[in-house]
Amino acid sequence: MMRLSGLSKTIRAMVTHPLETVLCGLLIAMTIVVFSQVIARYVFEHSLSWSEELARFLLMWLAMLSAAYGFKTKSHFALRLLVQNFPESLQRATGIAVQLILAVFFAVLLFYSIVFVKGVAGHTAPTLQISMQIPYASIVVGSALMLLEALKSMWRELAGRVEETEQG
């Protein structure tokens, strides 16, 4: 019974935290691919032709989704030294302005990444023979997630709510 309960908690965590689940899956997949290449090269003395390309594509997805996760958890670099000395109302206005600038930046990034991904239609990866739209779509997904988080943060600032990550 205890094992089933632990399994249901794991499934519930995977469903309630899809970004984290995908990041873990990508990291595991990339580790397996790179480890397979090392074993193939040094144990069997035969290099895998596809592993480097797949690892590169997995890394692209991992990087963009990790940036979105870092943005979501507010673990990115921020200079708050100057803003902390502002009056409360000016701190709030600065927070809103920063989130607005970030939202505009991510909206522009999203737009141009969509244009870019459409531009590589018909191009295939040399070894894996998959559309190059698949690895480059990581930019679209990552920028969309960061835009969503910037808009959510701006909404929270406008509503005057303190972020959970800043409280504790």
Protein backbone atom coordinates (compact mmCIF):
# COMPACT_ATOMS: atom_id res chain seq x y z
CA MET A 1 0.00 0.00 0.00
CA MET A 2 2.85 2.37 0.84
CA ARG A 3 4.46 1.81 -2.56
CA LEU A 4 1.23 2.68 -4.39
CA SER A 5 0.86 5.84 -2.35
CA GLY A 6 4.40 6.90 -3.28
CA LEU A 7 3.68 6.19 -6.93
CA SER A 8 0.53 8.31 -6.88
CA LYS A 9 2.50 11.18 -5.28
CA THR A 10 5.10 10.88 -8.03
CA ILE A 11 2.47 10.92 -10.77
CA ARG A 12 0.71 13.86 -9.11
CA ALA A 13 4.02 15.75 -8.92
CA MET A 14 4.71 15.03 -12.60
CA VAL A 15 1.28 16.32 -13.59
CA THR A 16 1.39 19.41 -11.39
CA HIS A 17 4.97 20.29 -12.39
CA PRO A 18 5.23 19.48 -16.12
CA LEU A 19 8.17 21.80 -16.82
CA GLU A 20 10.27 20.22 -14.10
CA THR A 21 9.27 16.74 -15.33
CA VAL A 22 10.32 17.54 -18.90
CA LEU A 23 13.61 19.03 -17.67
CA CYS A 24 14.37 15.88 -15.69
CA GLY A 25 13.50 13.72 -18.70
CA LEU A 26 15.74 15.78 -20.99
CA LEU A 27 18.63 15.62 -18.54
CA ILE A 28 18.26 11.85 -18.17
CA ALA A 29 18.02 11.37 -21.94
CA MET A 30 21.08 13.54 -22.57
CA THR A 31 23.06 11.67 -19.92
CA ILE A 32 22.14 8.32 -21.46
CA VAL A 33 23.05 9.49 -24.98
CA VAL A 34 26.44 10.89 -23.94
CA PHE A 35 27.22 7.89 -21.72
CA SER A 36 26.29 5.55 -24.60
CA GLN A 37 28.74 7.38 -26.84
CA VAL A 38 31.51 7.07 -24.26
CA ILE A 39 30.86 3.34 -23.82
CA ALA A 40 30.64 2.78 -27.58
CA ARG A 41 33.86 4.67 -28.24
CA TYR A 42 36.06 3.40 -25.43
CA VAL A 43 34.67 -0.07 -24.76
CA PHE A 44 33.54 -1.20 -28.21
CA GLU A 45 35.93 1.10 -30.15
CA HIS A 46 33.08 2.18 -32.40
CA SER A 47 31.71 5.73 -32.41
CA LEU A 48 27.96 6.32 -32.65
CA SER A 49 27.22 8.60 -35.58
CA TRP A 50 24.05 10.12 -34.13
CA SER A 51 24.87 10.71 -30.47
CA GLU A 52 26.63 14.07 -30.74
CA GLU A 53 23.85 15.59 -32.82
CA LEU A 54 21.11 14.27 -30.53
CA ALA A 55 22.99 15.47 -27.44
CA ARG A 56 23.31 18.93 -29.01
CA PHE A 57 19.58 19.08 -29.75
CA LEU A 58 18.70 17.86 -26.27
CA LEU A 59 21.02 20.52 -24.84
CA MET A 60 19.22 23.22 -26.84
CA TRP A 61 15.89 22.16 -25.35
CA LEU A 62 17.42 21.80 -21.89
CA ALA A 63 18.94 25.29 -22.04
CA MET A 64 15.77 27.07 -23.16
CA LEU A 65 13.47 25.22 -20.78
CA SER A 66 15.96 25.70 -17.92
CA ALA A 67 15.98 29.43 -18.63
CA ALA A 68 12.17 29.39 -18.45
CA TYR A 69 12.33 27.42 -15.20
CA GLY A 70 14.86 29.87 -13.75
CA PHE A 71 12.61 32.74 -14.76
CA LYS A 72 9.61 30.99 -13.20
CA THR A 73 11.38 30.39 -9.88
CA LYS A 74 13.01 33.84 -9.87
CA SER A 75 16.45 32.28 -9.58
CA HIS A 76 17.98 34.47 -12.28
CA PHE A 77 20.45 37.24 -11.52
CA ALA A 78 18.82 40.44 -10.30
CA LEU A 79 20.26 43.69 -9.02
CA ARG A 80 18.04 44.76 -6.13
CA LEU A 81 20.54 46.81 -4.16
CA LEU A 82 19.46 50.14 -5.65
CA VAL A 83 15.74 49.33 -5.84
CA GLN A 84 15.63 48.26 -2.17
CA ASN A 85 16.43 51.85 -1.17
CA PHE A 86 13.47 53.25 -3.12
CA PRO A 87 10.18 54.06 -1.40
CA GLU A 88 7.62 51.21 -1.45
CA SER A 89 5.50 52.75 -4.23
CA LEU A 90 8.55 53.35 -6.43
CA GLN A 91 9.75 49.77 -5.81
CA ARG A 92 6.38 48.50 -7.03
CA ALA A 93 6.44 50.77 -10.10
CA THR A 94 9.99 49.67 -10.90
CA GLY A 95 8.95 46.03 -10.59
CA ILE A 96 6.05 46.58 -12.99
CA ALA A 97 8.27 48.44 -15.45
CA VAL A 98 10.89 45.69 -15.38
CA GLN A 99 8.26 43.00 -15.96
CA LEU A 100 6.78 45.04 -18.83
CA ILE A 101 10.18 45.44 -20.48
CA LEU A 102 10.84 41.72 -20.07
CA ALA A 103 7.41 40.86 -21.50
CA VAL A 104 8.08 43.05 -24.55
CA PHE A 105 11.52 41.48 -25.01
CA PHE A 106 10.14 37.93 -24.80
CA ALA A 107 7.26 38.82 -27.14
CA VAL A 108 9.76 40.08 -29.73
CA LEU A 109 11.94 37.00 -29.19
CA LEU A 110 8.88 34.78 -29.59
CA PHE A 111 7.84 36.51 -32.80
CA TYR A 112 11.26 36.28 -34.43
CA SER A 113 11.84 32.73 -33.23
CA ILE A 114 8.59 31.71 -34.94
CA VAL A 115 9.78 33.44 -38.12
CA PHE A 116 13.13 31.65 -37.84
CA VAL A 117 11.56 28.23 -37.24
CA LYS A 118 9.32 28.73 -40.26
CA GLY A 119 12.44 29.66 -42.23
CA VAL A 120 14.18 26.37 -41.55
CA ALA A 121 11.25 24.34 -42.85
CA GLY A 122 12.55 21.72 -45.24
CA HIS A 123 16.00 21.60 -43.65
CA THR A 124 16.93 18.30 -42.05
CA ALA A 125 19.59 17.38 -39.54
CA PRO A 126 22.46 15.58 -41.30
CA THR A 127 22.65 12.50 -39.10
CA LEU A 128 19.25 12.13 -37.46
CA GLN A 129 17.34 13.19 -40.60
CA ILE A 130 14.74 15.09 -38.56
CA SER A 131 13.40 18.53 -39.39
CA MET A 132 15.56 21.32 -38.02
CA GLN A 133 12.32 22.90 -36.85
CA ILE A 134 12.31 20.43 -33.93
CA PRO A 135 15.50 21.61 -32.19
CA TYR A 136 14.91 25.27 -33.06
CA ALA A 137 11.37 25.11 -31.70
CA SER A 138 13.03 25.13 -28.28
CA ILE A 139 13.48 28.89 -28.72
CA VAL A 140 9.77 29.31 -29.44
CA VAL A 141 8.69 27.24 -26.45
CA GLY A 142 11.25 28.77 -24.08
CA SER A 143 10.46 32.36 -25.03
CA ALA A 144 6.70 31.67 -24.82
CA LEU A 145 7.09 30.24 -21.32
CA MET A 146 9.23 33.19 -20.22
CA LEU A 147 6.71 35.63 -21.73
CA LEU A 148 3.94 33.90 -19.80
CA GLU A 149 5.92 34.11 -16.56
CA ALA A 150 6.73 37.81 -17.15
CA LEU A 151 3.04 38.54 -17.71
CA LYS A 152 2.09 36.57 -14.58
CA SER A 153 4.69 38.47 -12.53
CA MET A 154 3.48 41.78 -13.90
CA TRP A 155 -0.11 40.85 -13.06
CA ARG A 156 0.93 39.96 -9.50
CA GLU A 157 2.77 43.29 -9.18
CA LEU A 158 -0.26 45.18 -10.46
CA ALA A 159 -2.52 43.30 -8.07
CA GLY A 160 -0.13 44.17 -5.25
CA ARG A 161 0.52 40.56 -4.24
CA VAL A 162 3.91 39.56 -2.88
CA GLU A 163 5.45 36.60 -4.69
CA GLU A 164 5.67 33.35 -2.77
CA THR A 165 9.33 32.94 -3.75
CA GLU A 166 10.19 36.34 -2.27
CA GLN A 167 8.46 35.61 1.06
CA GLY A 168 10.30 32.48 1.99
